[in-house]
Amino acid sequence: MANFWRADTPEPFGEEDLSFAEELAARAAVAIDNARRFTREHAMAVSLQRSLLPRVLPEQSAVEVAHRYLPAKAGVGGDWFDVIPLPGARVALVVGDVVGHGLHAAAAMGRLRTAVHNFSTLDVPPDELLGHLDELTGRIDSRETEGTDGEGRRRDEGITGATCLYAIYDPASGVCTVASAGHPGPALVAPDGRVEFPALSPGLPLGLGLGEAPFASTELRLPEGSKLVLFTDGLVEDQGRDFDAGLGLLRSALARPDRSPEQTCADVFATLLPPAPRDDIALLVARTRLLDRERIAEWEVVRDPSAVSPVRNAAAAKLSEWGLDGLAFSAELILSELITNAVRYGADPVRVRLLHDRTLICEVSDGSSTSPHLRHAAATDEGGRGLYLVAQYAERWGTRYGRRGKTIWAELRAGTGTSEPAEAAMPDLDALEDLAW
């Protein structure tokens, strides 16, 4: 409803007044309709963005994590964060940002987050993962920006301009490996409250290097109880505050020891959050833990078939010490197969490691990069069943490659092992070592 009053003259409104009032009402109606449409689109973008972000963080023992996400008031952007458990009790911490706002930015963010999850299963170093992500982003951009829509118009729906920070933390060694694709580096808070911003070698944003510009990883050794703080630029940058000033405020907000990650998130938002954020804000705070050295067992293996049995016996004794006798049979079988394979077909050095974390993790490393693969042996084959047996007894297994060589790992969860198998069903483990893979 619109009301009009005339104050100076008592004459009734004329035709010109009515025409002017109709024009005002029409313009007001358009403005109201635009506001309603913007509100609907903003609500849809916020809903899409939140549905694509992790609702519950996965269980893992490497870090204690807290997080915050706040959409912009004017329009949702493409900020995201993630926590991804990796083999060997490790964990990947991710933050990213897609340039732009609205439904397109939220959808592009969802595609990138899914791609990071998929590439993380390759278990490659952060710089290699960002290389794969950069190449994929470039392909998506080239396909979508060069095409046309159904009416012949050129599309411009690529995701060029996205940035990403990917970090892998290993609680067995305390080493965190970080790589950046045009994204601000993390803040590192020491247990005593000292705050540093480690120097990284950031590459180009995703989609600009076309898979040709290499990314670089930086290794950080973190004492137990350190905090790794990952954030997007919306946290530190705002109207009237540049990036360096924002980093200064962030440093002061983080420089307080003896706080949980949840308290740290709350303090950071209380200090830096602008009244009306112009960009999305994603914040991830991870306090590091170290795996107890008593829960790690390692052996160097001589490349001689006779060395397999002593290592297997030593592993069985360690499992008994850890109270994991129920997993002894399965673990011994898996180790026999993996060590025999490394001794026969691998290269020096051959190492065995057991990690007692949420699961029992068996790792066998060697200096060869030969890729093992699972195959089903024929009934007449004398060998070829090694990895098949590993796959049957392990909850999950896989291979990861380092700078030199590879590691084949297998996880066993308490309750999944064969504690007292029937004697007739138990294979002779020494005889298994004589089978060809």
Protein backbone atom coordinates (compact mmCIF):
# COMPACT_ATOMS: atom_id res chain seq x y z
CA MET A 1 0.00 0.00 0.00
CA ALA A 2 1.20 3.53 -0.82
CA ASN A 3 -0.22 6.71 0.77
CA PHE A 4 0.15 10.23 -0.71
CA TRP A 5 -0.51 13.54 1.07
CA ARG A 6 -0.51 17.13 -0.15
CA ALA A 7 0.43 19.74 2.42
CA ASP A 8 0.53 23.12 0.67
CA THR A 9 -2.70 23.23 -1.40
CA PRO A 10 -6.14 21.73 -0.75
CA GLU A 11 -6.88 20.80 -4.38
CA PRO A 12 -7.35 17.09 -5.12
CA PHE A 13 -4.69 15.19 -7.06
CA GLY A 14 -4.89 15.52 -10.84
CA GLU A 15 -4.09 13.23 -13.77
CA GLU A 16 -0.41 14.20 -13.75
CA ASP A 17 -0.21 13.44 -10.05
CA LEU A 18 -1.85 10.06 -10.63
CA SER A 19 0.57 9.24 -13.46
CA PHE A 20 3.52 10.22 -11.25
CA ALA A 21 2.18 8.07 -8.39
CA GLU A 22 1.71 5.09 -10.72
CA GLU A 23 5.31 5.44 -11.91
CA LEU A 24 6.54 5.54 -8.31
CA ALA A 25 4.46 2.48 -7.44
CA ALA A 26 5.74 0.59 -10.49
CA ARG A 27 9.36 1.34 -9.64
CA ALA A 28 8.78 0.38 -6.02
CA ALA A 29 7.18 -2.89 -7.12
CA VAL A 30 10.21 -3.73 -9.27
CA ALA A 31 12.55 -2.93 -6.39
CA ILE A 32 10.54 -5.12 -4.01
CA ASP A 33 10.48 -7.95 -6.55
CA ASN A 34 14.24 -7.68 -7.02
CA ALA A 35 14.77 -7.71 -3.28
CA ARG A 36 12.61 -10.82 -2.90
CA ARG A 37 14.42 -12.52 -5.78
CA PHE A 38 17.81 -11.64 -4.26
CA THR A 39 16.67 -12.95 -0.88
CA ARG A 40 15.55 -16.23 -2.41
CA GLU A 41 18.76 -16.64 -4.41
CA HIS A 42 20.88 -15.75 -1.40
CA ALA A 43 19.01 -18.28 0.74
CA MET A 44 19.42 -20.92 -1.98
CA ALA A 45 23.14 -20.20 -2.29
CA VAL A 46 23.63 -20.35 1.49
CA SER A 47 21.73 -23.64 1.65
CA LEU A 48 23.75 -25.09 -1.23
CA GLN A 49 27.02 -23.88 0.28
CA ARG A 50 26.28 -25.33 3.71
CA SER A 51 25.08 -28.62 2.23
CA LEU A 52 28.38 -28.95 0.34
CA LEU A 53 30.53 -28.22 3.39
CA PRO A 54 31.29 -31.03 5.89
CA ARG A 55 28.51 -31.30 8.44
CA VAL A 56 30.35 -33.67 10.77
CA LEU A 57 34.13 -33.95 10.77
CA PRO A 58 35.46 -37.51 10.47
CA GLU A 59 36.93 -39.35 13.41
CA GLN A 60 40.73 -39.26 13.56
CA SER A 61 43.43 -39.09 16.23
CA ALA A 62 46.06 -36.85 14.66
CA VAL A 63 44.57 -33.45 15.54
CA GLU A 64 41.85 -31.83 17.62
CA VAL A 65 39.84 -29.65 15.25
CA ALA A 66 37.42 -26.73 15.48
CA HIS A 67 36.02 -24.74 12.57
CA ARG A 68 33.85 -21.79 11.59
CA TYR A 69 32.12 -20.80 8.37
CA LEU A 70 30.28 -17.52 7.83
CA PRO A 71 28.70 -16.54 4.47
CA ALA A 72 28.96 -12.98 3.24
CA LYS A 73 25.99 -10.69 3.82
CA ALA A 74 25.89 -9.50 0.21
CA GLY A 75 26.26 -12.88 -1.47
CA VAL A 76 27.64 -16.32 -0.74
CA GLY A 77 31.14 -17.00 -2.05
CA GLY A 78 32.99 -20.25 -2.61
CA ASP A 79 35.02 -20.70 0.59
CA TRP A 80 35.38 -24.21 1.97
CA PHE A 81 37.34 -26.29 4.45
CA ASP A 82 37.83 -30.00 4.99
CA VAL A 83 39.46 -32.61 7.22
CA ILE A 84 40.35 -35.88 5.44
CA PRO A 85 41.78 -38.92 7.28
CA LEU A 86 44.66 -40.56 5.43
CA PRO A 87 46.37 -43.94 5.80
CA GLY A 88 49.08 -44.25 8.42
CA ALA A 89 47.12 -42.27 11.07
CA ARG A 90 47.76 -39.08 9.08
CA VAL A 91 45.25 -36.35 8.30
CA ALA A 92 44.83 -33.78 5.52
CA LEU A 93 43.65 -30.25 6.34
CA VAL A 94 42.22 -28.18 3.48
CA VAL A 95 40.90 -24.67 2.93
CA GLY A 96 39.99 -23.10 -0.39
CA ASP A 97 38.30 -20.13 -1.99
CA VAL A 98 36.48 -19.75 -5.32
CA VAL A 99 36.45 -16.18 -6.62
CA GLY A 100 32.96 -14.79 -7.08
CA HIS A 101 29.62 -15.05 -5.34
CA GLY A 102 26.27 -16.73 -5.74
CA LEU A 103 25.09 -20.14 -6.82
CA HIS A 104 27.85 -20.57 -9.38
CA ALA A 105 30.60 -20.01 -6.80
CA ALA A 106 28.93 -22.44 -4.37
CA ALA A 107 28.55 -25.10 -7.08
CA ALA A 108 32.16 -24.64 -8.22
CA MET A 109 33.28 -25.02 -4.60
CA GLY A 110 31.40 -28.31 -4.35
CA ARG A 111 33.11 -29.63 -7.47
CA LEU A 112 36.55 -28.68 -6.17
CA ARG A 113 35.93 -30.17 -2.73
CA THR A 114 34.83 -33.45 -4.33
CA ALA A 115 37.92 -33.42 -6.55
CA VAL A 116 40.20 -32.91 -3.54
CA HIS A 117 38.55 -35.88 -1.79
CA ASN A 118 39.07 -38.04 -4.88
CA PHE A 119 42.70 -37.00 -5.37
CA SER A 120 43.43 -37.55 -1.67
CA THR A 121 42.79 -41.28 -2.20
CA LEU A 122 45.90 -41.31 -4.39
CA ASP A 123 47.83 -40.50 -1.20
CA VAL A 124 50.30 -38.21 -2.97
CA PRO A 125 52.25 -35.26 -1.45
CA PRO A 126 50.43 -31.90 -1.30
CA ASP A 127 52.30 -30.39 -4.24
CA GLU A 128 51.36 -33.32 -6.49
CA LEU A 129 47.72 -33.19 -5.38
CA LEU A 130 47.51 -29.48 -6.23
CA GLY A 131 49.08 -30.26 -9.61
CA HIS A 132 46.31 -32.76 -10.34
CA LEU A 133 43.69 -30.27 -9.12
CA ASP A 134 45.15 -27.47 -11.24
CA GLU A 135 45.10 -29.63 -14.37
CA LEU A 136 41.50 -30.71 -13.70
CA THR A 137 40.40 -27.10 -13.13
CA GLY A 138 42.03 -26.03 -16.38
CA ARG A 139 40.21 -28.76 -18.30
CA ILE A 140 36.87 -27.81 -16.74
CA ASP A 141 37.43 -24.15 -17.59
CA SER A 142 38.43 -24.83 -21.19
CA ARG A 143 35.37 -27.04 -21.77
CA GLU A 144 32.82 -24.75 -20.17
CA THR A 145 34.03 -21.31 -21.23
CA GLU A 146 34.54 -22.31 -24.88
CA GLY A 147 31.10 -23.93 -25.22
CA THR A 148 27.69 -22.37 -25.81
CA ASP A 149 24.38 -22.73 -24.10
CA GLY A 150 21.20 -24.06 -25.72
CA GLU A 151 20.50 -20.69 -27.39
CA GLY A 152 23.93 -20.31 -28.95
CA ARG A 153 25.32 -17.87 -26.36
CA ARG A 154 28.85 -18.39 -25.09
CA ARG A 155 29.06 -19.76 -21.59
CA ASP A 156 31.34 -18.22 -18.99
CA GLU A 157 30.88 -20.61 -16.10
CA GLY A 158 34.46 -21.74 -15.40
CA ILE A 159 36.05 -21.84 -11.97
CA THR A 160 39.28 -19.99 -12.78
CA GLY A 161 40.48 -17.97 -9.82
CA ALA A 162 40.08 -20.63 -7.15
CA THR A 163 42.79 -20.99 -4.51
CA CYS A 164 43.58 -23.90 -2.20
CA LEU A 165 45.85 -24.73 0.73
CA TYR A 166 46.49 -28.44 1.37
CA ALA A 167 48.39 -29.74 4.41
CA ILE A 168 49.19 -33.29 5.56
CA TYR A 169 50.07 -33.86 9.22
CA ASP A 170 51.76 -37.07 10.38
CA PRO A 171 51.35 -37.70 14.14
CA ALA A 172 54.05 -40.41 14.08
CA SER A 173 56.78 -37.94 13.09
CA GLY A 174 55.22 -34.57 13.95
CA VAL A 175 55.90 -33.31 10.41
CA CYS A 176 53.33 -31.23 8.54
CA THR A 177 53.76 -30.85 4.77
CA VAL A 178 52.00 -27.82 3.25
CA ALA A 179 51.48 -26.60 -0.32
CA SER A 180 49.52 -23.62 -1.60
CA ALA A 181 47.86 -22.76 -4.89
CA GLY A 182 47.64 -18.99 -4.55
CA HIS A 183 46.14 -19.23 -1.05
CA PRO A 184 47.36 -17.41 2.09
CA GLY A 185 49.63 -19.57 4.21
CA PRO A 186 48.63 -20.88 7.65
CA ALA A 187 49.38 -19.41 11.04
CA LEU A 188 51.40 -21.61 13.40
CA VAL A 189 50.84 -21.19 17.14
CA ALA A 190 53.49 -22.78 19.36
CA PRO A 191 52.47 -24.37 22.70
CA ASP A 192 53.84 -21.30 24.53
CA GLY A 193 51.66 -18.91 22.47
CA ARG A 194 54.24 -17.69 19.95
CA VAL A 195 52.65 -17.04 16.56
CA GLU A 196 54.43 -17.45 13.24
CA PHE A 197 53.37 -17.26 9.62
CA PRO A 198 55.69 -19.80 7.94
CA ALA A 199 57.05 -18.77 4.57
CA LEU A 200 55.63 -20.93 1.78
CA SER A 201 56.19 -21.00 -1.97
CA PRO A 202 52.65 -20.36 -3.21
CA GLY A 203 51.93 -21.35 -6.77
CA LEU A 204 49.42 -19.79 -9.11
CA PRO A 205 45.69 -20.07 -8.39
CA LEU A 206 44.02 -23.20 -9.71
CA GLY A 207 43.33 -23.28 -13.43
CA LEU A 208 45.99 -20.72 -14.37
CA GLY A 209 49.01 -23.02 -14.51
CA LEU A 210 47.34 -25.53 -16.87
CA GLY A 211 49.20 -28.32 -15.08
CA GLU A 212 52.58 -26.91 -16.16
CA ALA A 213 53.52 -24.57 -13.31
CA PRO A 214 54.88 -26.75 -10.48
CA PHE A 215 53.79 -26.34 -6.90
CA ALA A 216 56.21 -26.61 -3.98
CA SER A 217 55.74 -28.32 -0.61
CA THR A 218 57.12 -26.98 2.66
CA GLU A 219 57.79 -29.23 5.65
CA LEU A 220 57.09 -27.94 9.15
CA ARG A 221 58.04 -29.86 12.28
CA LEU A 222 55.35 -29.20 14.88
CA PRO A 223 55.74 -29.86 18.61
CA GLU A 224 52.82 -31.62 20.25
CA GLY A 225 50.13 -29.15 21.24
CA SER A 226 50.89 -26.72 18.40
CA LYS A 227 47.98 -25.14 16.57
CA LEU A 228 47.79 -24.94 12.81
CA VAL A 229 45.35 -22.21 11.76
CA LEU A 230 44.04 -22.26 8.19
CA PHE A 231 41.81 -19.43 6.95
CA THR A 232 40.48 -17.66 3.87
CA ASP A 233 41.23 -14.05 3.01
CA GLY A 234 37.76 -12.89 4.04
CA LEU A 235 38.86 -13.25 7.66
CA VAL A 236 41.73 -10.77 7.48
CA GLU A 237 40.69 -8.46 4.63
CA ASP A 238 37.75 -6.07 4.75
CA GLN A 239 36.79 -2.57 3.71
CA GLY A 240 39.19 -0.21 5.43
CA ARG A 241 41.55 -3.01 6.54
CA ASP A 242 44.29 -4.41 4.32
CA PHE A 243 45.77 -7.91 4.44
CA ASP A 244 48.81 -7.01 6.59
CA ALA A 245 46.68 -5.20 9.16
CA GLY A 246 44.39 -8.21 9.30
CA LEU A 247 47.37 -10.53 9.89
CA GLY A 248 48.42 -8.32 12.78
CA LEU A 249 44.99 -8.62 14.39
CA LEU A 250 45.04 -12.37 13.79
CA ARG A 251 48.45 -12.65 15.46
CA SER A 252 47.22 -10.85 18.57
CA ALA A 253 44.06 -12.99 18.71
CA LEU A 254 46.08 -16.22 18.49
CA ALA A 255 48.86 -15.28 20.91
CA ARG A 256 47.22 -16.77 23.98
CA PRO A 257 48.35 -20.22 25.15
CA ASP A 258 46.29 -22.90 26.89
CA ARG A 259 43.16 -22.52 24.80
CA SER A 260 41.24 -25.22 23.02
CA PRO A 261 40.69 -24.96 19.25
CA GLU A 262 37.05 -24.12 19.93
CA GLN A 263 38.02 -21.22 22.21
CA THR A 264 40.58 -20.08 19.65
CA CYS A 265 37.93 -19.93 16.90
CA ALA A 266 35.65 -17.91 19.15
CA ASP A 267 38.42 -15.43 20.06
CA VAL A 268 39.50 -14.99 16.44
CA PHE A 269 35.96 -14.25 15.30
CA ALA A 270 35.41 -11.84 18.21
CA THR A 271 38.56 -9.92 17.22
CA LEU A 272 38.44 -9.90 13.42
CA LEU A 273 34.82 -10.38 12.38
CA PRO A 274 33.52 -7.22 10.62
CA PRO A 275 29.93 -6.07 11.26
CA ALA A 276 28.84 -6.94 7.71
CA PRO A 277 31.31 -9.35 6.04
CA ARG A 278 31.77 -8.63 2.34
CA ASP A 279 33.29 -12.04 1.67
CA ASP A 280 32.85 -15.56 2.99
CA ILE A 281 34.99 -16.58 5.95
CA ALA A 282 36.30 -20.09 6.59
CA LEU A 283 38.46 -20.84 9.63
CA LEU A 284 40.01 -24.18 10.63
CA VAL A 285 42.05 -24.60 13.83
CA ALA A 286 43.85 -27.92 14.44
CA ARG A 287 45.81 -28.72 17.61
CA THR A 288 48.39 -31.39 16.92
CA ARG A 289 48.91 -34.64 18.77
CA LEU A 290 51.84 -37.06 18.62
CA LEU A 291 51.45 -40.80 18.52
CA ASP A 292 52.97 -42.39 21.63
CA ARG A 293 56.35 -43.88 20.75
CA GLU A 294 55.33 -46.98 22.69
CA ARG A 295 52.63 -47.52 20.06
CA ILE A 296 55.10 -47.53 17.16
CA ALA A 297 57.29 -50.52 16.25
CA GLU A 298 59.80 -50.51 13.39
CA TRP A 299 62.19 -53.05 11.90
CA GLU A 300 64.79 -52.97 9.14
CA VAL A 301 64.61 -56.13 7.02
CA VAL A 302 67.52 -57.73 5.21
CA ARG A 303 66.60 -58.75 1.67
CA ASP A 304 66.79 -62.44 2.42
CA PRO A 305 63.77 -64.78 2.59
CA SER A 306 65.07 -66.12 5.91
CA ALA A 307 64.59 -62.66 7.46
CA VAL A 308 60.81 -62.80 7.10
CA SER A 309 60.10 -65.23 9.93
CA PRO A 310 62.06 -63.33 12.66
CA VAL A 311 60.28 -60.07 11.81
CA ARG A 312 56.92 -61.81 11.83
CA ASN A 313 57.66 -63.31 15.26
CA ALA A 314 58.82 -59.95 16.60
CA ALA A 315 55.60 -58.36 15.33
CA ALA A 316 53.53 -61.05 17.04
CA ALA A 317 55.35 -60.36 20.32
CA LYS A 318 54.67 -56.62 19.95
CA LEU A 319 50.97 -57.25 19.30
CA SER A 320 50.80 -59.35 22.45
CA GLU A 321 52.45 -56.51 24.37
CA TRP A 322 49.80 -54.13 23.03
CA GLY A 323 46.99 -56.52 23.97
CA LEU A 324 46.05 -57.18 20.34
CA ASP A 325 46.37 -60.95 20.37
CA GLY A 326 43.04 -61.16 18.53
CA LEU A 327 44.67 -59.56 15.47
CA ALA A 328 47.87 -61.62 15.61
CA PHE A 329 46.95 -64.22 13.02
CA SER A 330 45.69 -61.73 10.42
CA ALA A 331 48.60 -59.35 11.02
CA GLU A 332 51.18 -62.14 10.73
CA LEU A 333 49.63 -63.35 7.48
CA ILE A 334 49.58 -59.83 6.00
CA LEU A 335 53.14 -59.08 7.08
CA SER A 336 54.39 -62.39 5.69
CA GLU A 337 52.89 -61.63 2.30
CA LEU A 338 54.02 -58.00 2.12
CA ILE A 339 57.56 -58.60 3.41
CA THR A 340 58.08 -61.58 1.09
CA ASN A 341 56.98 -59.45 -1.85
CA ALA A 342 59.34 -56.61 -0.86
CA VAL A 343 62.28 -58.99 -0.33
CA ARG A 344 61.80 -60.76 -3.66
CA TYR A 345 60.73 -57.95 -5.98
CA GLY A 346 61.53 -54.70 -4.17
CA ALA A 347 64.73 -52.78 -3.53
CA ASP A 348 66.68 -51.71 -0.46
CA PRO A 349 65.91 -50.45 2.08
CA VAL A 350 63.06 -52.69 3.24
CA ARG A 351 61.34 -51.51 6.42
CA VAL A 352 58.38 -52.69 8.46
CA ARG A 353 56.32 -50.46 10.75
CA LEU A 354 53.36 -51.15 13.02
CA LEU A 355 51.19 -48.30 14.31
CA HIS A 356 48.72 -48.88 17.13
CA ASP A 357 46.22 -46.06 16.69
CA ARG A 358 42.44 -46.29 16.26
CA THR A 359 43.29 -49.29 14.11
CA LEU A 360 46.34 -51.49 13.74
CA ILE A 361 48.31 -50.28 10.73
CA CYS A 362 50.85 -52.58 9.09
CA GLU A 363 53.28 -50.88 6.69
CA VAL A 364 56.00 -52.43 4.54
CA SER A 365 58.25 -50.04 2.60
CA ASP A 366 60.94 -50.64 0.03
CA GLY A 367 62.97 -48.59 -2.42
CA SER A 368 61.19 -49.77 -5.56
CA SER A 369 58.39 -47.87 -7.27
CA THR A 370 56.95 -50.98 -8.90
CA SER A 371 53.19 -50.79 -8.61
CA PRO A 372 51.54 -53.88 -7.07
CA HIS A 373 48.08 -54.82 -8.26
CA LEU A 374 45.43 -57.19 -7.07
CA ARG A 375 44.63 -60.13 -9.35
CA HIS A 376 42.71 -63.37 -9.01
CA ALA A 377 44.94 -66.36 -9.61
CA ALA A 378 43.66 -69.28 -11.66
CA ALA A 379 43.07 -72.62 -9.97
CA THR A 380 46.24 -74.03 -11.55
CA ASP A 381 48.50 -71.10 -10.59
CA GLU A 382 51.05 -71.78 -7.86
CA GLY A 383 51.21 -68.12 -6.84
CA GLY A 384 49.54 -64.77 -7.43
CA ARG A 385 47.35 -64.82 -4.32
CA GLY A 386 49.37 -62.57 -2.05
CA LEU A 387 47.49 -59.28 -2.37
CA TYR A 388 44.22 -61.18 -2.60
CA LEU A 389 44.91 -62.61 0.87
CA VAL A 390 45.86 -59.16 2.15
CA ALA A 391 42.61 -57.71 0.78
CA GLN A 392 40.60 -60.51 2.41
CA TYR A 393 42.07 -60.13 5.89
CA ALA A 394 42.56 -56.33 6.03
CA GLU A 395 39.75 -53.85 6.55
CA ARG A 396 41.38 -51.74 3.86
CA TRP A 397 44.77 -51.57 2.17
CA GLY A 398 46.63 -49.52 -0.39
CA THR A 399 49.90 -48.14 -1.68
CA ARG A 400 51.49 -44.72 -1.34
CA TYR A 401 54.63 -43.46 -3.03
CA GLY A 402 57.33 -41.33 -1.50
CA ARG A 403 60.23 -39.41 -2.97
CA ARG A 404 61.93 -42.78 -3.25
CA GLY A 405 60.12 -46.08 -3.20
CA LYS A 406 56.69 -47.05 -1.98
CA THR A 407 54.81 -48.20 1.11
CA ILE A 408 52.12 -50.87 1.08
CA TRP A 409 49.83 -50.53 4.07
CA ALA A 410 46.97 -52.50 5.54
CA GLU A 411 44.61 -51.64 8.39
CA LEU A 412 43.07 -54.05 10.86
CA ARG A 413 40.39 -53.05 13.33
CA ALA A 414 40.01 -54.82 16.66
CA GLY A 415 37.26 -57.39 16.32
CA THR A 416 37.92 -58.10 12.65
CA GLY A 417 40.87 -60.42 13.14
CA THR A 418 40.76 -64.18 13.50
CA SER A 419 41.77 -64.78 17.09
CA GLU A 420 41.46 -68.56 17.21
CA PRO A 421 41.01 -69.94 13.70
CA ALA A 422 40.41 -73.62 13.23
CA GLU A 423 43.70 -75.47 12.93
CA ALA A 424 42.77 -76.93 9.55
CA ALA A 425 41.97 -73.46 8.22
CA MET A 426 45.28 -71.91 9.29
CA PRO A 427 47.82 -71.80 6.48
CA ASP A 428 51.47 -72.51 7.15
CA LEU A 429 52.91 -68.99 7.15
CA ASP A 430 56.43 -70.23 6.45
CA ALA A 431 55.09 -72.12 3.45
CA LEU A 432 53.31 -69.00 2.21
CA GLU A 433 56.65 -67.21 1.98
CA ASP A 434 57.66 -69.72 -0.69
CA LEU A 435 54.69 -68.84 -2.93
CA ALA A 436 55.38 -66.61 -5.90
CA TRP A 437 53.39 -63.37 -6.13
